[in-house]
Every structure is written in structure tokens, then in C-alpha cells.
Amino acid sequence: MVDVEATIYCEKDSHKGIIIGKQGAMLKKIGTRARVDISALLGSPINLQIWIKVKKDWRDSDFLLKNFGYDQRNI
């Protein structure tokens, strides 16, 4: 079994609520689909942990975009 940790960043608390969904339904759906895809990619069952974090103005920060794996060629 492979352990996978993922963080989803959003800009506002209201966005966080949308991603989590009513009683966690949307986050559960995201996690279920991600587990299937990542498991198929790795050929092994996975243990996926997902966190949702608010990071205001992350889309305007060159430093954060670079840390997330984006550069001018990707944008």
C-alpha cells in the first residue's frame, strides 16, 4: 500500500466550503475518484489523505506558483 498526501489550495473560506461540500460529500467524491486513478497509475492500492487549505492570493504569487509546479511555460 502506498501513502499519498495531497493538499488542495483555494483562495477563500467560501471556496473551501464548496470543495468540501455538504457533509463532506464533494470531498468524498474527489477522494474516491483520485484513489481509483492513482491506484491504476501506480498499480497498487493507496491510502490517500487530502487537506483543503486557504491561501489568499496564491494565484498572484510567483513563489507559490513555482512551488506548485507552474512556470511561465505552463500558464
N, C-alpha and C. Protein backbone atom coordinates (compact mmCIF):
# COMPACT_ATOMS: atom_id res chain seq x y z
N MET A 1 0.85 -1.18 0.00
CA MET A 1 0.00 0.00 0.00
C MET A 1 0.90 1.24 0.00
N VAL A 2 0.51 2.21 -0.81
CA VAL A 2 1.26 3.46 -0.94
C VAL A 2 0.49 4.57 -0.23
N ASP A 3 1.18 5.36 0.58
CA ASP A 3 0.57 6.52 1.24
C ASP A 3 0.73 7.74 0.36
N VAL A 4 -0.37 8.44 0.10
CA VAL A 4 -0.35 9.66 -0.71
C VAL A 4 -1.01 10.76 0.10
N GLU A 5 -0.33 11.89 0.20
CA GLU A 5 -0.89 13.06 0.87
C GLU A 5 -1.04 14.17 -0.15
N ALA A 6 -2.19 14.82 -0.16
CA ALA A 6 -2.45 15.89 -1.13
C ALA A 6 -3.08 17.08 -0.42
N THR A 7 -2.73 18.26 -0.89
CA THR A 7 -3.32 19.49 -0.38
C THR A 7 -3.96 20.23 -1.55
N ILE A 8 -5.20 20.61 -1.38
CA ILE A 8 -5.90 21.43 -2.37
C ILE A 8 -5.96 22.84 -1.80
N TYR A 9 -5.40 23.78 -2.55
CA TYR A 9 -5.40 25.18 -2.10
C TYR A 9 -6.54 25.94 -2.77
N CYS A 10 -7.17 26.82 -2.00
CA CYS A 10 -8.18 27.72 -2.53
C CYS A 10 -7.94 29.10 -1.93
N GLU A 11 -8.58 30.11 -2.50
CA GLU A 11 -8.31 31.49 -2.08
C GLU A 11 -9.20 32.00 -0.96
N LYS A 12 -10.38 31.42 -0.80
CA LYS A 12 -11.34 31.94 0.18
C LYS A 12 -11.94 30.81 1.01
N ASP A 13 -12.36 31.16 2.21
CA ASP A 13 -13.04 30.18 3.06
C ASP A 13 -14.30 29.64 2.39
N SER A 14 -14.98 30.50 1.64
CA SER A 14 -16.20 30.05 0.96
C SER A 14 -15.87 29.00 -0.10
N HIS A 15 -14.70 29.12 -0.74
CA HIS A 15 -14.28 28.11 -1.72
C HIS A 15 -14.00 26.78 -1.02
N LYS A 16 -13.43 26.87 0.16
CA LYS A 16 -13.14 25.66 0.93
C LYS A 16 -14.44 24.89 1.21
N GLY A 17 -15.47 25.63 1.59
CA GLY A 17 -16.76 25.01 1.84
C GLY A 17 -17.33 24.34 0.61
N ILE A 18 -17.14 24.95 -0.54
CA ILE A 18 -17.63 24.37 -1.80
C ILE A 18 -16.88 23.08 -2.10
N ILE A 19 -15.57 23.09 -1.92
CA ILE A 19 -14.77 21.90 -2.20
C ILE A 19 -15.14 20.75 -1.26
N ILE A 20 -15.36 21.07 0.01
CA ILE A 20 -15.74 20.04 0.98
C ILE A 20 -17.16 19.56 0.71
N GLY A 21 -18.06 20.48 0.40
CA GLY A 21 -19.43 20.11 0.09
C GLY A 21 -20.26 19.84 1.33
N LYS A 22 -21.54 19.67 1.12
CA LYS A 22 -22.47 19.41 2.22
C LYS A 22 -22.13 18.07 2.86
N GLN A 23 -21.84 18.10 4.15
CA GLN A 23 -21.48 16.92 4.94
C GLN A 23 -20.30 16.17 4.33
N GLY A 24 -19.41 16.90 3.63
CA GLY A 24 -18.20 16.29 3.08
C GLY A 24 -18.40 15.51 1.80
N ALA A 25 -19.58 15.63 1.20
CA ALA A 25 -19.90 14.81 0.02
C ALA A 25 -18.98 15.08 -1.17
N MET A 26 -18.67 16.34 -1.44
CA MET A 26 -17.83 16.66 -2.59
C MET A 26 -16.40 16.18 -2.36
N LEU A 27 -15.87 16.38 -1.17
CA LEU A 27 -14.52 15.92 -0.86
C LEU A 27 -14.44 14.40 -0.95
N LYS A 28 -15.48 13.72 -0.52
CA LYS A 28 -15.52 12.26 -0.62
C LYS A 28 -15.48 11.83 -2.08
N LYS A 29 -16.23 12.52 -2.92
CA LYS A 29 -16.25 12.21 -4.35
C LYS A 29 -14.87 12.44 -4.98
N ILE A 30 -14.25 13.56 -4.62
CA ILE A 30 -12.90 13.87 -5.12
C ILE A 30 -11.93 12.78 -4.69
N GLY A 31 -11.97 12.41 -3.42
CA GLY A 31 -11.07 11.38 -2.90
C GLY A 31 -11.28 10.02 -3.54
N THR A 32 -12.53 9.64 -3.73
CA THR A 32 -12.84 8.34 -4.34
C THR A 32 -12.30 8.27 -5.76
N ARG A 33 -12.56 9.31 -6.54
CA ARG A 33 -12.07 9.32 -7.93
C ARG A 33 -10.55 9.37 -8.00
N ALA A 34 -9.95 10.15 -7.12
CA ALA A 34 -8.48 10.24 -7.10
C ALA A 34 -7.86 8.90 -6.71
N ARG A 35 -8.45 8.21 -5.74
CA ARG A 35 -7.92 6.91 -5.33
C ARG A 35 -7.94 5.92 -6.50
N VAL A 36 -9.03 5.90 -7.23
CA VAL A 36 -9.14 4.99 -8.38
C VAL A 36 -8.06 5.32 -9.41
N ASP A 37 -7.93 6.59 -9.77
CA ASP A 37 -6.95 7.00 -10.79
C ASP A 37 -5.51 6.75 -10.34
N ILE A 38 -5.19 7.14 -9.11
CA ILE A 38 -3.81 6.98 -8.63
C ILE A 38 -3.47 5.51 -8.46
N SER A 39 -4.42 4.73 -7.97
CA SER A 39 -4.21 3.29 -7.82
C SER A 39 -3.91 2.64 -9.17
N ALA A 40 -4.67 3.02 -10.18
CA ALA A 40 -4.45 2.48 -11.53
C ALA A 40 -3.09 2.90 -12.06
N LEU A 41 -2.71 4.14 -11.81
CA LEU A 41 -1.43 4.66 -12.27
C LEU A 41 -0.26 3.93 -11.60
N LEU A 42 -0.37 3.69 -10.30
CA LEU A 42 0.72 3.06 -9.55
C LEU A 42 0.64 1.53 -9.56
N GLY A 43 -0.53 1.00 -9.90
CA GLY A 43 -0.70 -0.45 -9.88
C GLY A 43 -0.69 -1.03 -8.48
N SER A 44 -1.12 -0.23 -7.52
CA SER A 44 -1.10 -0.64 -6.12
C SER A 44 -2.21 0.10 -5.38
N PRO A 45 -2.78 -0.52 -4.35
CA PRO A 45 -3.75 0.21 -3.54
C PRO A 45 -3.07 1.38 -2.84
N ILE A 46 -3.83 2.42 -2.57
CA ILE A 46 -3.25 3.60 -1.92
C ILE A 46 -4.07 4.02 -0.71
N ASN A 47 -3.42 4.71 0.18
CA ASN A 47 -4.06 5.37 1.30
C ASN A 47 -3.93 6.87 1.02
N LEU A 48 -5.02 7.52 0.69
CA LEU A 48 -5.00 8.93 0.30
C LEU A 48 -5.53 9.81 1.42
N GLN A 49 -4.75 10.83 1.77
CA GLN A 49 -5.20 11.83 2.72
C GLN A 49 -5.21 13.17 2.01
N ILE A 50 -6.33 13.88 2.11
CA ILE A 50 -6.50 15.15 1.42
C ILE A 50 -6.77 16.25 2.44
N TRP A 51 -6.07 17.37 2.28
CA TRP A 51 -6.32 18.56 3.09
C TRP A 51 -6.73 19.69 2.17
N ILE A 52 -7.62 20.55 2.67
CA ILE A 52 -8.03 21.75 1.95
C ILE A 52 -7.51 22.93 2.75
N LYS A 53 -6.73 23.79 2.11
CA LYS A 53 -6.17 24.95 2.81
C LYS A 53 -6.47 26.23 2.05
N VAL A 54 -6.75 27.28 2.82
CA VAL A 54 -6.99 28.60 2.24
C VAL A 54 -5.65 29.34 2.20
N LYS A 55 -5.28 29.79 1.03
CA LYS A 55 -4.04 30.56 0.84
C LYS A 55 -4.43 31.76 -0.02
N LYS A 56 -4.70 32.87 0.65
CA LYS A 56 -5.19 34.06 -0.05
C LYS A 56 -4.20 34.52 -1.13
N ASP A 57 -4.74 34.86 -2.29
CA ASP A 57 -3.97 35.39 -3.42
C ASP A 57 -2.86 34.46 -3.91
N TRP A 58 -3.00 33.16 -3.77
CA TRP A 58 -1.96 32.25 -4.21
C TRP A 58 -1.75 32.33 -5.72
N ARG A 59 -2.80 32.65 -6.46
CA ARG A 59 -2.67 32.72 -7.93
C ARG A 59 -1.82 33.90 -8.38
N ASP A 60 -1.63 34.88 -7.51
CA ASP A 60 -0.83 36.06 -7.85
C ASP A 60 0.60 35.98 -7.31
N SER A 61 0.96 34.90 -6.69
CA SER A 61 2.28 34.76 -6.08
C SER A 61 3.18 33.89 -6.97
N ASP A 62 4.19 34.52 -7.58
CA ASP A 62 5.13 33.76 -8.41
C ASP A 62 5.82 32.66 -7.60
N PHE A 63 6.15 32.97 -6.35
CA PHE A 63 6.81 31.99 -5.48
C PHE A 63 5.93 30.76 -5.28
N LEU A 64 4.65 30.97 -4.92
CA LEU A 64 3.76 29.83 -4.68
C LEU A 64 3.48 29.06 -5.97
N LEU A 65 3.27 29.77 -7.07
CA LEU A 65 3.02 29.09 -8.34
C LEU A 65 4.19 28.20 -8.72
N LYS A 66 5.39 28.70 -8.52
CA LYS A 66 6.58 27.90 -8.82
C LYS A 66 6.65 26.68 -7.90
N ASN A 67 6.34 26.86 -6.61
CA ASN A 67 6.33 25.73 -5.68
C ASN A 67 5.27 24.70 -6.03
N PHE A 68 4.17 25.13 -6.65
CA PHE A 68 3.10 24.22 -7.05
C PHE A 68 3.42 23.53 -8.38
N GLY A 69 4.56 23.90 -8.99
CA GLY A 69 4.96 23.24 -10.23
C GLY A 69 4.62 23.99 -11.49
N TYR A 70 4.14 25.22 -11.36
CA TYR A 70 3.82 26.03 -12.53
C TYR A 70 4.98 26.95 -12.85
N ASP A 71 5.19 27.18 -14.13
CA ASP A 71 6.12 28.22 -14.56
C ASP A 71 5.49 28.90 -15.78
N GLN A 72 6.17 29.83 -16.36
CA GLN A 72 5.60 30.61 -17.47
C GLN A 72 5.19 29.72 -18.64
N ARG A 73 5.86 28.61 -18.85
CA ARG A 73 5.51 27.71 -19.95
C ARG A 73 4.20 26.98 -19.70
N ASN A 74 3.81 26.79 -18.43
CA ASN A 74 2.60 26.05 -18.09
C ASN A 74 1.37 26.93 -18.03
N ILE A 75 1.56 28.23 -17.92
CA ILE A 75 0.42 29.12 -17.68
C ILE A 75 -0.19 29.57 -18.98
